[in-house]
Structures are given as C-alpha cells and as structure tokens.
Amino acid sequence: MHYMKKIIVDLDNTISFNLSGKYSHATPNKKLIEKLYEYKLNGFYIVIFTARNMRTYKENIGKINIHTLPVIIDWLNENRVPYDEVIVGKPWCGDEGFYVDDRAIRPSELCNMTLEEISNMLEQEKKCF
C-alpha cells in the first residue's frame, strides 16, 4: 500500500529522551507521542527512522537489527508509541553535524503547530530558492 500522508520521525531526543544512558529506560516525550496519535487518527502512516547504535556497531545494520531493534520495539510498545514501521540505519551525523532536508520540521514544531501551519512553513521553504 502506498501512503502519501507519511511522517518519518526520529527516535532519540525526539520521541525519547535518554538521560540515564540506558535506552530501555529512556523517558518518553509524551507531548510528541500525543501528536503522533493525532496524526495517526488522521490517516498518517508513521515511520520511526533512527541512527541509534550506528556508531556503536560501526554502521553494521545486521548487528543493529539483532541487538538494537528488539530494544527499540519493546520501548515503543511499552510507551504506547503509534508506529507502522521502524527503519534502522539512518546515517549518524556526529556530535557536531546536523541533517538538512526540505521537508523537515523540529520536534517542537510538530508539538506546537497545526498541520496547516506546518504545511505553510514547508511551502515557504520552497521560496528560498
């Protein structure tokens, strides 16, 4: 099935906050999770796309699938995070790097803006060129 209404969302420091150092004990971002439920109810397909353990396992996605993915799925289910798919292997940008994408929004924007406001903001980005 092809979904046009799709949200691709990061895990660490977006859906979860890992203050303890153990991923299994990460704190859920409840406000963001509530927003994901709203979008899910409005027909959005939700994908979790994470770079978790890319550095630890030297980008070996096979090892991440074995060792990391089960912890992620358990945490998502325990914290009642709505999702349709989990993708591991997102390239890690490093501590001083960042991601650039014309369709990206910040977690705070997802939590505090309506879909219409987000759509307008993304449309304005096209005018920068």
C-alpha atoms as a PDB file:
ATOM      1  CA  MET A   1       0.000   0.000   0.000  1.00  0.00           C
ATOM      2  CA  HIS A   2       1.315   3.451  -0.943  1.00  0.00           C
ATOM      3  CA  TYR A   3       0.828   6.185   1.649  1.00  0.00           C
ATOM      4  CA  MET A   4       1.005   9.840   0.647  1.00  0.00           C
ATOM      5  CA  LYS A   5       0.385  11.020   4.208  1.00  0.00           C
ATOM      6  CA  LYS A   6       3.506   9.802   5.943  1.00  0.00           C
ATOM      7  CA  ILE A   7       5.512  11.090   8.913  1.00  0.00           C
ATOM      8  CA  ILE A   8       9.131   9.998   9.219  1.00  0.00           C
ATOM      9  CA  VAL A   9      10.189  10.636  12.805  1.00  0.00           C
ATOM     10  CA  ASP A  10      13.475  10.264  14.669  1.00  0.00           C
ATOM     11  CA  LEU A  11      13.635   8.317  17.926  1.00  0.00           C
ATOM     12  CA  ASP A  12      16.399   9.625  20.212  1.00  0.00           C
ATOM     13  CA  ASN A  13      15.869  13.129  21.594  1.00  0.00           C
ATOM     14  CA  THR A  14      12.661  13.329  19.589  1.00  0.00           C
ATOM     15  CA  ILE A  15      10.260  10.573  20.712  1.00  0.00           C
ATOM     16  CA  SER A  16      12.500   9.624  23.633  1.00  0.00           C
ATOM     17  CA  PHE A  17      14.986  11.347  25.925  1.00  0.00           C
ATOM     18  CA  ASN A  18      17.794   9.118  27.147  1.00  0.00           C
ATOM     19  CA  LEU A  19      19.067  10.733  30.333  1.00  0.00           C
ATOM     20  CA  SER A  20      20.113   7.544  32.122  1.00  0.00           C
ATOM     21  CA  GLY A  21      22.402   6.135  29.445  1.00  0.00           C
ATOM     22  CA  LYS A  22      20.240   3.005  29.013  1.00  0.00           C
ATOM     23  CA  TYR A  23      17.954   3.063  26.007  1.00  0.00           C
ATOM     24  CA  SER A  24      15.471   0.734  27.677  1.00  0.00           C
ATOM     25  CA  HIS A  25      14.955   3.352  30.421  1.00  0.00           C
ATOM     26  CA  ALA A  26      14.582   6.373  28.132  1.00  0.00           C
ATOM     27  CA  THR A  27      11.915   8.919  29.031  1.00  0.00           C
ATOM     28  CA  PRO A  28       9.060   9.244  26.529  1.00  0.00           C
ATOM     29  CA  ASN A  29       8.284  12.642  25.005  1.00  0.00           C
ATOM     30  CA  LYS A  30       4.605  12.453  25.897  1.00  0.00           C
ATOM     31  CA  LYS A  31       3.595  15.638  24.085  1.00  0.00           C
ATOM     32  CA  LEU A  32       5.132  14.419  20.839  1.00  0.00           C
ATOM     33  CA  ILE A  33       3.629  10.938  21.255  1.00  0.00           C
ATOM     34  CA  GLU A  34       0.184  12.529  21.710  1.00  0.00           C
ATOM     35  CA  LYS A  35       0.718  14.452  18.461  1.00  0.00           C
ATOM     36  CA  LEU A  36       1.650  11.225  16.680  1.00  0.00           C
ATOM     37  CA  TYR A  37      -1.681   9.752  17.830  1.00  0.00           C
ATOM     38  CA  GLU A  38      -3.488  12.767  16.356  1.00  0.00           C
ATOM     39  CA  TYR A  39      -1.741  12.301  13.030  1.00  0.00           C
ATOM     40  CA  LYS A  40      -2.385   8.542  13.090  1.00  0.00           C
ATOM     41  CA  LEU A  41      -6.101   9.182  13.636  1.00  0.00           C
ATOM     42  CA  ASN A  42      -5.991  11.494  10.616  1.00  0.00           C
ATOM     43  CA  GLY A  43      -4.693   8.729   8.364  1.00  0.00           C
ATOM     44  CA  PHE A  44      -0.949   9.281   8.536  1.00  0.00           C
ATOM     45  CA  TYR A  45       1.469   6.358   8.230  1.00  0.00           C
ATOM     46  CA  ILE A  46       4.179   6.703  10.908  1.00  0.00           C
ATOM     47  CA  VAL A  47       7.757   5.562  10.329  1.00  0.00           C
ATOM     48  CA  ILE A  48      10.410   5.623  13.050  1.00  0.00           C
ATOM     49  CA  PHE A  49      13.790   6.244  11.348  1.00  0.00           C
ATOM     50  CA  THR A  50      16.743   6.057  13.707  1.00  0.00           C
ATOM     51  CA  ALA A  51      20.523   6.265  13.770  1.00  0.00           C
ATOM     52  CA  ARG A  52      20.615   4.506  17.153  1.00  0.00           C
ATOM     53  CA  ASN A  53      23.798   2.455  17.601  1.00  0.00           C
ATOM     54  CA  MET A  54      25.158   3.294  14.142  1.00  0.00           C
ATOM     55  CA  ARG A  55      28.366   4.446  15.804  1.00  0.00           C
ATOM     56  CA  THR A  56      28.414   1.607  18.355  1.00  0.00           C
ATOM     57  CA  TYR A  57      28.107  -1.093  15.691  1.00  0.00           C
ATOM     58  CA  LYS A  58      30.195   0.787  13.087  1.00  0.00           C
ATOM     59  CA  GLU A  59      27.190   1.082  10.743  1.00  0.00           C
ATOM     60  CA  ASN A  60      26.643  -2.711  10.708  1.00  0.00           C
ATOM     61  CA  ILE A  61      22.876  -2.795  10.216  1.00  0.00           C
ATOM     62  CA  GLY A  62      22.749  -6.580  10.630  1.00  0.00           C
ATOM     63  CA  LYS A  63      24.065  -6.237  14.196  1.00  0.00           C
ATOM     64  CA  ILE A  64      21.718  -3.314  14.845  1.00  0.00           C
ATOM     65  CA  ASN A  65      18.784  -5.483  13.700  1.00  0.00           C
ATOM     66  CA  ILE A  66      19.836  -8.199  16.167  1.00  0.00           C
ATOM     67  CA  HIS A  67      20.859  -6.142  19.202  1.00  0.00           C
ATOM     68  CA  THR A  68      19.143  -2.762  18.934  1.00  0.00           C
ATOM     69  CA  LEU A  69      15.866  -3.231  17.076  1.00  0.00           C
ATOM     70  CA  PRO A  70      14.289  -5.518  19.739  1.00  0.00           C
ATOM     71  CA  VAL A  71      15.039  -2.894  22.432  1.00  0.00           C
ATOM     72  CA  ILE A  72      13.510  -0.181  20.250  1.00  0.00           C
ATOM     73  CA  ILE A  73      10.334  -2.173  19.554  1.00  0.00           C
ATOM     74  CA  ASP A  74       9.916  -3.118  23.225  1.00  0.00           C
ATOM     75  CA  TRP A  75      10.333   0.527  24.265  1.00  0.00           C
ATOM     76  CA  LEU A  76       7.894   1.791  21.612  1.00  0.00           C
ATOM     77  CA  ASN A  77       5.275  -0.752  22.678  1.00  0.00           C
ATOM     78  CA  GLU A  78       5.794  -0.199  26.426  1.00  0.00           C
ATOM     79  CA  ASN A  79       5.372   3.541  25.931  1.00  0.00           C
ATOM     80  CA  ARG A  80       2.406   3.131  23.587  1.00  0.00           C
ATOM     81  CA  VAL A  81       4.005   4.971  20.689  1.00  0.00           C
ATOM     82  CA  PRO A  82       1.973   4.675  17.491  1.00  0.00           C
ATOM     83  CA  TYR A  83       4.037   3.464  14.547  1.00  0.00           C
ATOM     84  CA  ASP A  84       3.641   1.474  11.355  1.00  0.00           C
ATOM     85  CA  GLU A  85       7.271   0.801  10.563  1.00  0.00           C
ATOM     86  CA  VAL A  86      10.746   1.073  12.125  1.00  0.00           C
ATOM     87  CA  ILE A  87      13.798   1.690   9.967  1.00  0.00           C
ATOM     88  CA  VAL A  88      17.292   1.485  11.442  1.00  0.00           C
ATOM     89  CA  GLY A  89      20.485   2.555   9.723  1.00  0.00           C
ATOM     90  CA  LYS A  90      19.904   6.288   9.407  1.00  0.00           C
ATOM     91  CA  PRO A  91      23.361   7.790   8.855  1.00  0.00           C
ATOM     92  CA  TRP A  92      24.681   9.323  12.070  1.00  0.00           C
ATOM     93  CA  CYS A  93      25.701  12.951  11.560  1.00  0.00           C
ATOM     94  CA  GLY A  94      28.067  13.042  14.541  1.00  0.00           C
ATOM     95  CA  ASP A  95      28.027  15.258  17.612  1.00  0.00           C
ATOM     96  CA  GLU A  96      28.789  18.417  15.658  1.00  0.00           C
ATOM     97  CA  GLY A  97      26.911  17.642  12.433  1.00  0.00           C
ATOM     98  CA  PHE A  98      23.257  18.004  11.525  1.00  0.00           C
ATOM     99  CA  TYR A  99      20.654  16.933   8.984  1.00  0.00           C
ATOM    100  CA  VAL A 100      19.329  19.165   6.201  1.00  0.00           C
ATOM    101  CA  ASP A 101      16.044  18.335   4.487  1.00  0.00           C
ATOM    102  CA  ASP A 102      13.465  20.490   2.720  1.00  0.00           C
ATOM    103  CA  ARG A 103      10.600  18.554   4.347  1.00  0.00           C
ATOM    104  CA  ALA A 104      11.987  18.531   7.910  1.00  0.00           C
ATOM    105  CA  ILE A 105      10.463  20.104  10.994  1.00  0.00           C
ATOM    106  CA  ARG A 106      11.724  20.291  14.577  1.00  0.00           C
ATOM    107  CA  PRO A 107      10.059  18.225  17.331  1.00  0.00           C
ATOM    108  CA  SER A 108       8.845  21.452  18.986  1.00  0.00           C
ATOM    109  CA  GLU A 109       7.184  22.499  15.717  1.00  0.00           C
ATOM    110  CA  LEU A 110       5.324  19.188  15.468  1.00  0.00           C
ATOM    111  CA  CYS A 111       4.151  19.592  19.065  1.00  0.00           C
ATOM    112  CA  ASN A 112       3.094  23.239  18.802  1.00  0.00           C
ATOM    113  CA  MET A 113       1.889  23.788  15.243  1.00  0.00           C
ATOM    114  CA  THR A 114      -1.171  22.631  13.347  1.00  0.00           C
ATOM    115  CA  LEU A 115      -0.857  20.608  10.158  1.00  0.00           C
ATOM    116  CA  GLU A 116      -1.881  23.704   8.199  1.00  0.00           C
ATOM    117  CA  GLU A 117       0.832  25.807   9.875  1.00  0.00           C
ATOM    118  CA  ILE A 118       3.428  23.120   9.176  1.00  0.00           C
ATOM    119  CA  SER A 119       2.336  22.845   5.535  1.00  0.00           C
ATOM    120  CA  ASN A 120       2.555  26.634   5.126  1.00  0.00           C
ATOM    121  CA  MET A 121       6.007  26.719   6.713  1.00  0.00           C
ATOM    122  CA  LEU A 122       7.272  23.976   4.395  1.00  0.00           C
ATOM    123  CA  GLU A 123       5.764  25.775   1.403  1.00  0.00           C
ATOM    124  CA  GLN A 124       7.623  28.952   2.404  1.00  0.00           C
ATOM    125  CA  GLU A 125      10.888  26.983   2.324  1.00  0.00           C
ATOM    126  CA  LYS A 126      10.414  26.491  -1.424  1.00  0.00           C
ATOM    127  CA  LYS A 127      10.515  30.279  -1.855  1.00  0.00           C
ATOM    128  CA  CYS A 128      14.092  30.400  -0.529  1.00  0.00           C
ATOM    129  CA  PHE A 129      15.327  29.212  -3.921  1.00  0.00           C
END
